[in-house]
Amino acid sequence: MSLPFIAEIRIFGFNYPPRSWSFCSGQIIPIDENQALFALIGSIYGGDARVTMGLPNLQGRSPLHTGKGPGLTERQLADYGGLPEVELAAAQIPPHTHTLSAAKQAGTTSEPTGQLFAYQAGDVQPDYKQPPLGDLQAMSPGMLAYAGQSSMVENRQPFLGLSFCIALDGIFPPRN
């Protein structure tokens, strides 16, 4: 393997960092043992910039190029964003219907709790008003149960787990 640039990030298909590399998992490391690396990345990924510095954290993240593409938001070095899971708001759920059920048997109670709409005893008309309608009244929101359980929805693109590692040692990259 050729000598890497210090702070170069590579992807490896095995589960340990090679010698002089470290996982990109956000760990805090001492500056005095990594002065060349600190000269390149400083404390933009964490640390106190006096004694410690942070490494980038690519756990569960996709790398993204810095800058701004057409119609895109500008991204700076070390910016991070996005969520692995989201809770959908009602406005984000596709239009759909819920069924309101009624019993085919005659009703036996005027108490609605735990009951269904039903025919009135001895009558052929259901226990609700047929046209012509008078003034409409909003029914209780409890008429229909809430759907869903406010559980989070997976929000990740398809992925393959690989090891992102950063070079702690190597060639100091020259500028242009």
N, C-alpha and C. Protein backbone atom coordinates (compact mmCIF):
# COMPACT_ATOMS: atom_id res chain seq x y z
N MET A 1 0.85 -1.17 0.00
CA MET A 1 0.00 0.00 0.00
C MET A 1 0.89 1.23 0.00
N SER A 2 0.58 2.18 -0.89
CA SER A 2 1.38 3.40 -0.97
C SER A 2 1.18 4.24 0.29
N LEU A 3 2.16 5.09 0.53
CA LEU A 3 2.10 5.96 1.71
C LEU A 3 0.97 6.96 1.52
N PRO A 4 0.04 7.06 2.47
CA PRO A 4 -1.10 7.96 2.30
C PRO A 4 -0.73 9.39 2.70
N PHE A 5 -1.59 10.32 2.30
CA PHE A 5 -1.51 11.66 2.84
C PHE A 5 -2.05 11.61 4.26
N ILE A 6 -1.47 12.38 5.17
CA ILE A 6 -2.02 12.49 6.52
C ILE A 6 -3.43 13.09 6.38
N ALA A 7 -4.39 12.56 7.11
CA ALA A 7 -5.80 12.96 7.13
C ALA A 7 -6.58 12.40 5.94
N GLU A 8 -5.94 11.60 5.10
CA GLU A 8 -6.66 10.96 3.99
C GLU A 8 -7.63 9.94 4.57
N ILE A 9 -8.81 9.89 4.01
CA ILE A 9 -9.81 8.92 4.45
C ILE A 9 -9.99 7.89 3.35
N ARG A 10 -9.90 6.63 3.73
CA ARG A 10 -10.11 5.53 2.79
C ARG A 10 -11.14 4.57 3.36
N ILE A 11 -11.71 3.81 2.45
CA ILE A 11 -12.67 2.78 2.85
C ILE A 11 -11.96 1.43 2.77
N PHE A 12 -12.12 0.64 3.84
CA PHE A 12 -11.53 -0.70 3.89
C PHE A 12 -12.63 -1.73 4.06
N GLY A 13 -12.41 -2.90 3.49
CA GLY A 13 -13.39 -3.98 3.56
C GLY A 13 -13.12 -4.96 4.67
N PHE A 14 -12.36 -4.56 5.69
CA PHE A 14 -12.12 -5.43 6.84
C PHE A 14 -12.43 -4.65 8.11
N ASN A 15 -12.44 -5.33 9.25
CA ASN A 15 -13.00 -4.74 10.47
C ASN A 15 -11.97 -4.19 11.47
N TYR A 16 -10.79 -3.80 10.97
CA TYR A 16 -9.81 -3.16 11.87
C TYR A 16 -9.06 -2.10 11.07
N PRO A 17 -8.59 -1.06 11.74
CA PRO A 17 -7.80 -0.05 11.01
C PRO A 17 -6.36 -0.54 10.84
N PRO A 18 -5.77 -0.35 9.66
CA PRO A 18 -4.37 -0.73 9.48
C PRO A 18 -3.47 0.11 10.38
N ARG A 19 -2.22 -0.28 10.51
CA ARG A 19 -1.25 0.47 11.32
C ARG A 19 -1.17 1.91 10.81
N SER A 20 -1.13 2.86 11.69
CA SER A 20 -1.07 4.30 11.42
C SER A 20 -2.38 4.86 10.84
N TRP A 21 -3.46 4.12 10.98
CA TRP A 21 -4.79 4.58 10.59
C TRP A 21 -5.70 4.46 11.80
N SER A 22 -6.82 5.14 11.79
CA SER A 22 -7.80 5.01 12.86
C SER A 22 -9.19 5.05 12.24
N PHE A 23 -10.13 4.36 12.88
CA PHE A 23 -11.51 4.41 12.41
C PHE A 23 -12.01 5.85 12.45
N CYS A 24 -12.86 6.20 11.52
CA CYS A 24 -13.55 7.51 11.53
C CYS A 24 -14.81 7.35 12.36
N SER A 25 -14.63 7.29 13.66
CA SER A 25 -15.77 7.08 14.55
C SER A 25 -15.88 8.15 15.63
N GLY A 26 -15.33 9.34 15.36
CA GLY A 26 -15.54 10.48 16.24
C GLY A 26 -14.75 10.48 17.52
N GLN A 27 -13.75 9.63 17.64
CA GLN A 27 -13.02 9.59 18.91
C GLN A 27 -12.16 10.84 19.10
N ILE A 28 -11.93 11.17 20.35
CA ILE A 28 -11.10 12.31 20.75
C ILE A 28 -9.70 11.78 21.02
N ILE A 29 -8.71 12.43 20.39
CA ILE A 29 -7.32 11.96 20.53
C ILE A 29 -6.43 13.13 20.96
N PRO A 30 -5.25 12.83 21.54
CA PRO A 30 -4.36 13.90 21.99
C PRO A 30 -3.65 14.59 20.83
N ILE A 31 -3.56 15.91 20.90
CA ILE A 31 -2.89 16.69 19.86
C ILE A 31 -1.39 16.42 19.86
N ASP A 32 -0.78 16.32 21.06
CA ASP A 32 0.68 16.17 21.12
C ASP A 32 1.17 14.89 20.46
N GLU A 33 0.33 13.90 20.27
CA GLU A 33 0.71 12.66 19.58
C GLU A 33 0.32 12.69 18.10
N ASN A 34 -0.38 13.74 17.68
CA ASN A 34 -0.90 13.81 16.31
C ASN A 34 -0.80 15.25 15.78
N GLN A 35 0.38 15.86 15.93
CA GLN A 35 0.54 17.28 15.59
C GLN A 35 0.35 17.56 14.10
N ALA A 36 0.86 16.68 13.23
CA ALA A 36 0.69 16.91 11.78
C ALA A 36 -0.78 16.81 11.40
N LEU A 37 -1.46 15.84 11.96
CA LEU A 37 -2.89 15.69 11.68
C LEU A 37 -3.66 16.91 12.19
N PHE A 38 -3.30 17.41 13.38
CA PHE A 38 -3.95 18.59 13.93
C PHE A 38 -3.70 19.81 13.05
N ALA A 39 -2.51 19.91 12.47
CA ALA A 39 -2.20 21.03 11.58
C ALA A 39 -3.12 21.03 10.36
N LEU A 40 -3.61 19.86 9.98
CA LEU A 40 -4.48 19.76 8.80
C LEU A 40 -5.97 19.91 9.12
N ILE A 41 -6.43 19.25 10.16
CA ILE A 41 -7.88 19.26 10.42
C ILE A 41 -8.27 20.03 11.67
N GLY A 42 -7.31 20.42 12.48
CA GLY A 42 -7.61 21.20 13.68
C GLY A 42 -8.63 20.50 14.57
N SER A 43 -9.56 21.27 15.07
CA SER A 43 -10.58 20.70 15.95
C SER A 43 -11.97 20.79 15.32
N ILE A 44 -12.04 20.80 13.99
CA ILE A 44 -13.35 20.93 13.34
C ILE A 44 -14.25 19.72 13.59
N TYR A 45 -13.67 18.59 13.98
CA TYR A 45 -14.47 17.40 14.27
C TYR A 45 -14.61 17.16 15.77
N GLY A 46 -14.18 18.12 16.59
CA GLY A 46 -14.32 17.99 18.04
C GLY A 46 -13.00 18.21 18.76
N GLY A 47 -13.05 18.07 20.05
CA GLY A 47 -11.87 18.31 20.89
C GLY A 47 -11.86 19.75 21.38
N ASP A 48 -10.88 20.04 22.26
CA ASP A 48 -10.83 21.39 22.84
C ASP A 48 -9.83 22.30 22.14
N ALA A 49 -9.09 21.79 21.14
CA ALA A 49 -8.10 22.54 20.35
C ALA A 49 -6.88 22.99 21.17
N ARG A 50 -6.79 22.57 22.42
CA ARG A 50 -5.61 22.86 23.24
C ARG A 50 -4.85 21.57 23.49
N VAL A 51 -5.58 20.57 23.97
CA VAL A 51 -4.96 19.29 24.33
C VAL A 51 -5.50 18.16 23.45
N THR A 52 -6.76 18.29 23.02
CA THR A 52 -7.39 17.20 22.28
C THR A 52 -7.99 17.69 20.95
N MET A 53 -8.17 16.74 20.06
CA MET A 53 -8.82 16.98 18.78
C MET A 53 -9.72 15.79 18.48
N GLY A 54 -10.70 15.99 17.62
CA GLY A 54 -11.61 14.91 17.27
C GLY A 54 -11.37 14.41 15.87
N LEU A 55 -11.65 13.14 15.67
CA LEU A 55 -11.61 12.55 14.33
C LEU A 55 -13.02 12.59 13.74
N PRO A 56 -13.11 12.58 12.42
CA PRO A 56 -14.46 12.58 11.82
C PRO A 56 -15.25 11.35 12.26
N ASN A 57 -16.56 11.48 12.29
CA ASN A 57 -17.42 10.36 12.66
C ASN A 57 -18.28 10.00 11.45
N LEU A 58 -17.96 8.90 10.80
CA LEU A 58 -18.73 8.44 9.65
C LEU A 58 -19.61 7.24 10.01
N GLN A 59 -19.78 6.97 11.29
CA GLN A 59 -20.64 5.86 11.70
C GLN A 59 -22.08 6.18 11.33
N GLY A 60 -22.66 5.34 10.50
CA GLY A 60 -24.05 5.52 10.11
C GLY A 60 -24.28 6.73 9.22
N ARG A 61 -23.24 7.26 8.60
CA ARG A 61 -23.36 8.45 7.76
C ARG A 61 -22.80 8.16 6.37
N SER A 62 -23.26 8.91 5.41
CA SER A 62 -22.72 8.86 4.06
C SER A 62 -21.85 10.09 3.85
N PRO A 63 -20.65 9.92 3.30
CA PRO A 63 -19.83 11.11 3.04
C PRO A 63 -20.46 11.94 1.94
N LEU A 64 -20.25 13.25 2.01
CA LEU A 64 -20.84 14.18 1.06
C LEU A 64 -19.80 15.22 0.71
N HIS A 65 -19.66 15.52 -0.58
CA HIS A 65 -18.67 16.50 -1.02
C HIS A 65 -19.07 17.89 -0.52
N THR A 66 -18.08 18.69 -0.18
CA THR A 66 -18.35 20.07 0.25
C THR A 66 -18.70 20.93 -0.95
N GLY A 67 -19.28 22.07 -0.70
CA GLY A 67 -19.63 23.01 -1.77
C GLY A 67 -21.12 23.07 -1.98
N LYS A 68 -21.48 23.62 -3.14
CA LYS A 68 -22.89 23.80 -3.46
C LYS A 68 -23.11 23.45 -4.92
N GLY A 69 -23.96 22.47 -5.15
CA GLY A 69 -24.33 22.12 -6.51
C GLY A 69 -25.56 22.90 -6.92
N PRO A 70 -25.91 22.84 -8.21
CA PRO A 70 -27.10 23.57 -8.68
C PRO A 70 -28.36 23.14 -7.91
N GLY A 71 -29.03 24.11 -7.31
CA GLY A 71 -30.26 23.85 -6.57
C GLY A 71 -30.05 23.18 -5.23
N LEU A 72 -28.82 23.06 -4.78
CA LEU A 72 -28.53 22.39 -3.51
C LEU A 72 -28.06 23.39 -2.45
N THR A 73 -28.17 23.00 -1.20
CA THR A 73 -27.69 23.81 -0.08
C THR A 73 -26.17 23.66 0.02
N GLU A 74 -25.48 24.73 0.34
CA GLU A 74 -24.03 24.66 0.48
C GLU A 74 -23.65 23.84 1.70
N ARG A 75 -22.63 23.02 1.55
CA ARG A 75 -22.10 22.17 2.63
C ARG A 75 -20.65 22.53 2.89
N GLN A 76 -20.34 22.83 4.15
CA GLN A 76 -18.97 23.15 4.56
C GLN A 76 -18.29 21.90 5.09
N LEU A 77 -16.98 21.92 5.13
CA LEU A 77 -16.22 20.82 5.71
C LEU A 77 -16.68 20.61 7.15
N ALA A 78 -16.93 19.39 7.54
CA ALA A 78 -17.36 18.97 8.87
C ALA A 78 -18.84 19.20 9.15
N ASP A 79 -19.60 19.75 8.18
CA ASP A 79 -21.05 19.84 8.36
C ASP A 79 -21.63 18.42 8.41
N TYR A 80 -22.64 18.24 9.20
CA TYR A 80 -23.34 16.96 9.20
C TYR A 80 -24.83 17.25 9.30
N GLY A 81 -25.61 16.31 8.87
CA GLY A 81 -27.05 16.52 8.91
C GLY A 81 -27.79 15.24 8.58
N GLY A 82 -29.07 15.37 8.46
CA GLY A 82 -29.90 14.21 8.16
C GLY A 82 -30.21 13.41 9.41
N LEU A 83 -31.16 12.52 9.28
CA LEU A 83 -31.58 11.68 10.39
C LEU A 83 -31.75 10.25 9.88
N PRO A 84 -31.33 9.27 10.67
CA PRO A 84 -31.53 7.88 10.24
C PRO A 84 -32.99 7.46 10.30
N GLU A 85 -33.77 8.11 11.14
CA GLU A 85 -35.20 7.80 11.27
C GLU A 85 -35.97 9.10 11.42
N VAL A 86 -37.19 9.12 10.91
CA VAL A 86 -38.04 10.30 11.05
C VAL A 86 -39.45 9.87 11.43
N GLU A 87 -40.17 10.77 12.06
CA GLU A 87 -41.59 10.54 12.34
C GLU A 87 -42.37 11.37 11.33
N LEU A 88 -43.21 10.72 10.57
CA LEU A 88 -43.97 11.41 9.54
C LEU A 88 -45.12 12.21 10.15
N ALA A 89 -45.30 13.43 9.66
CA ALA A 89 -46.44 14.25 10.05
C ALA A 89 -47.62 13.86 9.18
N ALA A 90 -48.82 14.19 9.61
CA ALA A 90 -50.02 13.83 8.86
C ALA A 90 -49.97 14.36 7.42
N ALA A 91 -49.39 15.54 7.21
CA ALA A 91 -49.31 16.12 5.87
C ALA A 91 -48.38 15.34 4.95
N GLN A 92 -47.51 14.49 5.50
CA GLN A 92 -46.57 13.73 4.68
C GLN A 92 -47.08 12.34 4.32
N ILE A 93 -48.17 11.94 4.92
CA ILE A 93 -48.72 10.61 4.66
C ILE A 93 -49.61 10.68 3.43
N PRO A 94 -49.49 9.74 2.50
CA PRO A 94 -50.34 9.78 1.30
C PRO A 94 -51.82 9.74 1.67
N PRO A 95 -52.68 10.35 0.81
CA PRO A 95 -54.11 10.31 1.09
C PRO A 95 -54.59 8.86 1.18
N HIS A 96 -55.45 8.60 2.13
CA HIS A 96 -56.00 7.26 2.31
C HIS A 96 -57.30 7.37 3.10
N THR A 97 -57.99 6.28 3.21
CA THR A 97 -59.26 6.29 3.94
C THR A 97 -59.19 5.30 5.09
N HIS A 98 -60.09 5.51 6.03
CA HIS A 98 -60.29 4.58 7.13
C HIS A 98 -61.75 4.16 7.07
N THR A 99 -62.00 2.93 7.36
CA THR A 99 -63.36 2.42 7.28
C THR A 99 -64.10 2.70 8.58
N LEU A 100 -65.32 3.18 8.45
CA LEU A 100 -66.20 3.37 9.59
C LEU A 100 -67.19 2.21 9.54
N SER A 101 -67.18 1.36 10.55
CA SER A 101 -67.99 0.14 10.53
C SER A 101 -69.29 0.31 11.28
N ALA A 102 -70.30 -0.48 10.85
CA ALA A 102 -71.59 -0.51 11.53
C ALA A 102 -72.05 -1.96 11.64
N ALA A 103 -72.75 -2.28 12.70
CA ALA A 103 -73.26 -3.64 12.89
C ALA A 103 -74.52 -3.85 12.07
N LYS A 104 -74.74 -5.07 11.58
CA LYS A 104 -75.96 -5.38 10.81
C LYS A 104 -77.13 -5.70 11.75
N GLN A 105 -76.85 -5.95 13.00
CA GLN A 105 -77.90 -6.29 13.96
C GLN A 105 -78.50 -5.02 14.56
N ALA A 106 -79.66 -5.18 15.13
CA ALA A 106 -80.32 -4.06 15.80
C ALA A 106 -79.51 -3.63 17.01
N GLY A 107 -79.53 -2.34 17.29
CA GLY A 107 -78.84 -1.83 18.45
C GLY A 107 -79.51 -2.25 19.75
N THR A 108 -78.70 -2.38 20.79
CA THR A 108 -79.25 -2.80 22.08
C THR A 108 -79.01 -1.77 23.17
N THR A 109 -78.34 -0.68 22.82
CA THR A 109 -78.04 0.34 23.82
C THR A 109 -77.95 1.70 23.15
N SER A 110 -78.17 2.71 23.94
CA SER A 110 -77.97 4.07 23.41
C SER A 110 -76.59 4.60 23.82
N GLU A 111 -75.84 3.80 24.58
CA GLU A 111 -74.50 4.18 25.05
C GLU A 111 -73.48 3.86 23.95
N PRO A 112 -72.75 4.85 23.43
CA PRO A 112 -71.84 4.60 22.31
C PRO A 112 -70.50 3.97 22.70
N THR A 113 -70.09 4.04 23.97
CA THR A 113 -68.77 3.56 24.36
C THR A 113 -68.60 2.09 24.04
N GLY A 114 -67.59 1.79 23.24
CA GLY A 114 -67.27 0.41 22.89
C GLY A 114 -68.28 -0.24 21.95
N GLN A 115 -69.16 0.54 21.35
CA GLN A 115 -70.22 0.00 20.47
C GLN A 115 -69.96 0.42 19.03
N LEU A 116 -70.76 -0.13 18.11
CA LEU A 116 -70.73 0.24 16.70
C LEU A 116 -72.05 0.87 16.32
N PHE A 117 -72.05 1.61 15.20
CA PHE A 117 -73.33 2.05 14.66
C PHE A 117 -74.18 0.81 14.41
N ALA A 118 -75.49 0.92 14.60
CA ALA A 118 -76.38 -0.24 14.42
C ALA A 118 -77.75 0.23 13.97
N TYR A 119 -78.57 -0.71 13.51
CA TYR A 119 -79.95 -0.40 13.18
C TYR A 119 -80.72 -0.20 14.47
N GLN A 120 -81.71 0.65 14.39
CA GLN A 120 -82.58 0.81 15.55
C GLN A 120 -83.46 -0.43 15.66
N ALA A 121 -83.73 -0.86 16.87
CA ALA A 121 -84.54 -2.06 17.08
C ALA A 121 -85.89 -1.91 16.40
N GLY A 122 -86.26 -2.92 15.59
CA GLY A 122 -87.56 -2.94 14.93
C GLY A 122 -87.69 -1.95 13.79
N ASP A 123 -86.62 -1.38 13.31
CA ASP A 123 -86.67 -0.39 12.24
C ASP A 123 -85.75 -0.84 11.11
N VAL A 124 -86.04 -0.43 9.90
CA VAL A 124 -85.17 -0.77 8.77
C VAL A 124 -84.15 0.31 8.49
N GLN A 125 -84.29 1.45 9.10
CA GLN A 125 -83.34 2.53 8.88
C GLN A 125 -82.19 2.44 9.88
N PRO A 126 -80.98 2.72 9.42
CA PRO A 126 -79.85 2.75 10.36
C PRO A 126 -80.05 3.85 11.39
N ASP A 127 -79.30 3.78 12.43
CA ASP A 127 -79.39 4.70 13.54
C ASP A 127 -78.65 6.01 13.23
N TYR A 128 -78.68 6.44 12.02
CA TYR A 128 -78.12 7.74 11.70
C TYR A 128 -79.02 8.39 10.66
N LYS A 129 -78.89 9.67 10.53
CA LYS A 129 -79.80 10.47 9.70
C LYS A 129 -79.52 10.25 8.22
N GLN A 130 -80.58 10.01 7.44
CA GLN A 130 -80.50 9.88 5.99
C GLN A 130 -80.88 11.22 5.37
N PRO A 131 -80.52 11.47 4.10
CA PRO A 131 -80.93 12.72 3.45
C PRO A 131 -82.46 12.84 3.44
N PRO A 132 -83.04 14.00 3.46
CA PRO A 132 -82.35 15.29 3.44
C PRO A 132 -81.72 15.61 4.80
N LEU A 133 -80.52 16.15 4.75
CA LEU A 133 -79.78 16.45 5.98
C LEU A 133 -80.14 17.84 6.48
N GLY A 134 -80.16 17.98 7.75
CA GLY A 134 -80.34 19.30 8.35
C GLY A 134 -78.96 19.90 8.58
N ASP A 135 -78.82 20.67 9.66
CA ASP A 135 -77.52 21.20 10.01
C ASP A 135 -76.59 20.06 10.40
N LEU A 136 -75.43 20.01 9.78
CA LEU A 136 -74.47 18.96 10.09
C LEU A 136 -73.70 19.34 11.34
N GLN A 137 -73.41 18.36 12.14
CA GLN A 137 -72.64 18.56 13.37
C GLN A 137 -71.38 17.72 13.29
N ALA A 138 -70.28 18.31 13.74
CA ALA A 138 -69.03 17.54 13.78
C ALA A 138 -69.17 16.44 14.82
N MET A 139 -68.75 15.24 14.44
CA MET A 139 -68.80 14.13 15.38
C MET A 139 -67.54 14.14 16.23
N SER A 140 -67.57 13.42 17.27
CA SER A 140 -66.42 13.34 18.17
C SER A 140 -65.22 12.75 17.44
N PRO A 141 -64.02 13.29 17.65
CA PRO A 141 -62.82 12.71 17.04
C PRO A 141 -62.62 11.25 17.46
N GLY A 142 -63.24 10.86 18.56
CA GLY A 142 -63.12 9.49 19.03
C GLY A 142 -63.89 8.50 18.18
N MET A 143 -64.65 8.99 17.18
CA MET A 143 -65.40 8.09 16.30
C MET A 143 -64.46 7.18 15.52
N LEU A 144 -63.31 7.69 15.17
CA LEU A 144 -62.31 6.88 14.46
C LEU A 144 -61.06 6.83 15.33
N ALA A 145 -60.53 5.66 15.48
CA ALA A 145 -59.32 5.50 16.29
C ALA A 145 -58.12 6.03 15.50
N TYR A 146 -57.11 6.46 16.22
CA TYR A 146 -55.87 6.89 15.57
C TYR A 146 -55.24 5.69 14.90
N ALA A 147 -54.65 5.92 13.75
CA ALA A 147 -53.91 4.88 13.05
C ALA A 147 -52.43 5.13 13.29
N GLY A 148 -51.66 4.08 13.35
CA GLY A 148 -50.22 4.23 13.57
C GLY A 148 -49.89 4.30 15.04
N GLN A 149 -48.61 4.25 15.31
CA GLN A 149 -48.18 4.24 16.71
C GLN A 149 -47.06 5.24 16.95
N SER A 150 -46.95 6.25 16.09
CA SER A 150 -45.90 7.26 16.19
C SER A 150 -44.51 6.63 16.20
N SER A 151 -44.37 5.49 15.56
CA SER A 151 -43.05 4.88 15.49
C SER A 151 -42.27 5.53 14.36
N MET A 152 -40.97 5.51 14.49
CA MET A 152 -40.09 6.15 13.52
C MET A 152 -40.04 5.32 12.23
N VAL A 153 -39.76 6.01 11.12
CA VAL A 153 -39.67 5.38 9.81
C VAL A 153 -38.22 5.41 9.36
N GLU A 154 -37.70 4.28 8.91
CA GLU A 154 -36.34 4.20 8.39
C GLU A 154 -36.16 5.22 7.28
N ASN A 155 -35.05 5.96 7.29
CA ASN A 155 -34.85 7.06 6.35
C ASN A 155 -33.49 6.95 5.67
N ARG A 156 -32.97 5.75 5.49
CA ARG A 156 -31.63 5.59 4.91
C ARG A 156 -31.71 5.00 3.52
N GLN A 157 -30.75 5.41 2.71
CA GLN A 157 -30.62 4.79 1.40
C GLN A 157 -30.05 3.38 1.59
N PRO A 158 -30.17 2.53 0.59
CA PRO A 158 -29.56 1.20 0.72
C PRO A 158 -28.07 1.34 1.03
N PHE A 159 -27.53 0.43 1.81
CA PHE A 159 -26.15 0.60 2.25
C PHE A 159 -25.41 -0.72 2.36
N LEU A 160 -24.11 -0.62 2.46
CA LEU A 160 -23.21 -1.74 2.71
C LEU A 160 -22.23 -1.28 3.77
N GLY A 161 -22.11 -2.01 4.84
CA GLY A 161 -21.20 -1.63 5.92
C GLY A 161 -19.75 -1.85 5.55
N LEU A 162 -18.95 -0.80 5.60
CA LEU A 162 -17.52 -0.84 5.34
C LEU A 162 -16.82 0.01 6.39
N SER A 163 -15.51 -0.12 6.52
CA SER A 163 -14.74 0.63 7.50
C SER A 163 -14.14 1.88 6.87
N PHE A 164 -14.52 3.06 7.38
CA PHE A 164 -13.89 4.31 6.98
C PHE A 164 -12.75 4.56 7.97
N CYS A 165 -11.56 4.80 7.43
CA CYS A 165 -10.40 5.05 8.29
C CYS A 165 -9.68 6.31 7.82
N ILE A 166 -9.04 6.99 8.78
CA ILE A 166 -8.28 8.20 8.50
C ILE A 166 -6.81 7.94 8.78
N ALA A 167 -5.93 8.42 7.90
CA ALA A 167 -4.50 8.23 8.06
C ALA A 167 -3.97 9.16 9.14
N LEU A 168 -3.32 8.59 10.14
CA LEU A 168 -2.73 9.38 11.23
C LEU A 168 -1.29 9.76 10.90
N ASP A 169 -0.71 9.06 9.95
CA ASP A 169 0.70 9.23 9.62
C ASP A 169 0.82 9.12 8.11
N GLY A 170 1.87 9.68 7.55
CA GLY A 170 2.09 9.60 6.11
C GLY A 170 2.74 10.86 5.59
N ILE A 171 2.37 11.24 4.38
CA ILE A 171 2.93 12.41 3.71
C ILE A 171 2.06 13.61 4.04
N PHE A 172 2.71 14.71 4.44
CA PHE A 172 1.96 15.94 4.66
C PHE A 172 1.56 16.47 3.29
N PRO A 173 0.27 16.63 3.02
CA PRO A 173 -0.16 17.02 1.66
C PRO A 173 0.26 18.44 1.31
N PRO A 174 0.93 18.61 0.17
CA PRO A 174 1.31 19.97 -0.25
C PRO A 174 0.09 20.72 -0.78
N ARG A 175 0.11 22.03 -0.64
CA ARG A 175 -0.97 22.85 -1.22
C ARG A 175 -0.69 23.04 -2.69
N ASN A 176 -1.74 23.05 -3.48
CA ASN A 176 -1.68 23.27 -4.93
C ASN A 176 -0.27 23.24 -5.46
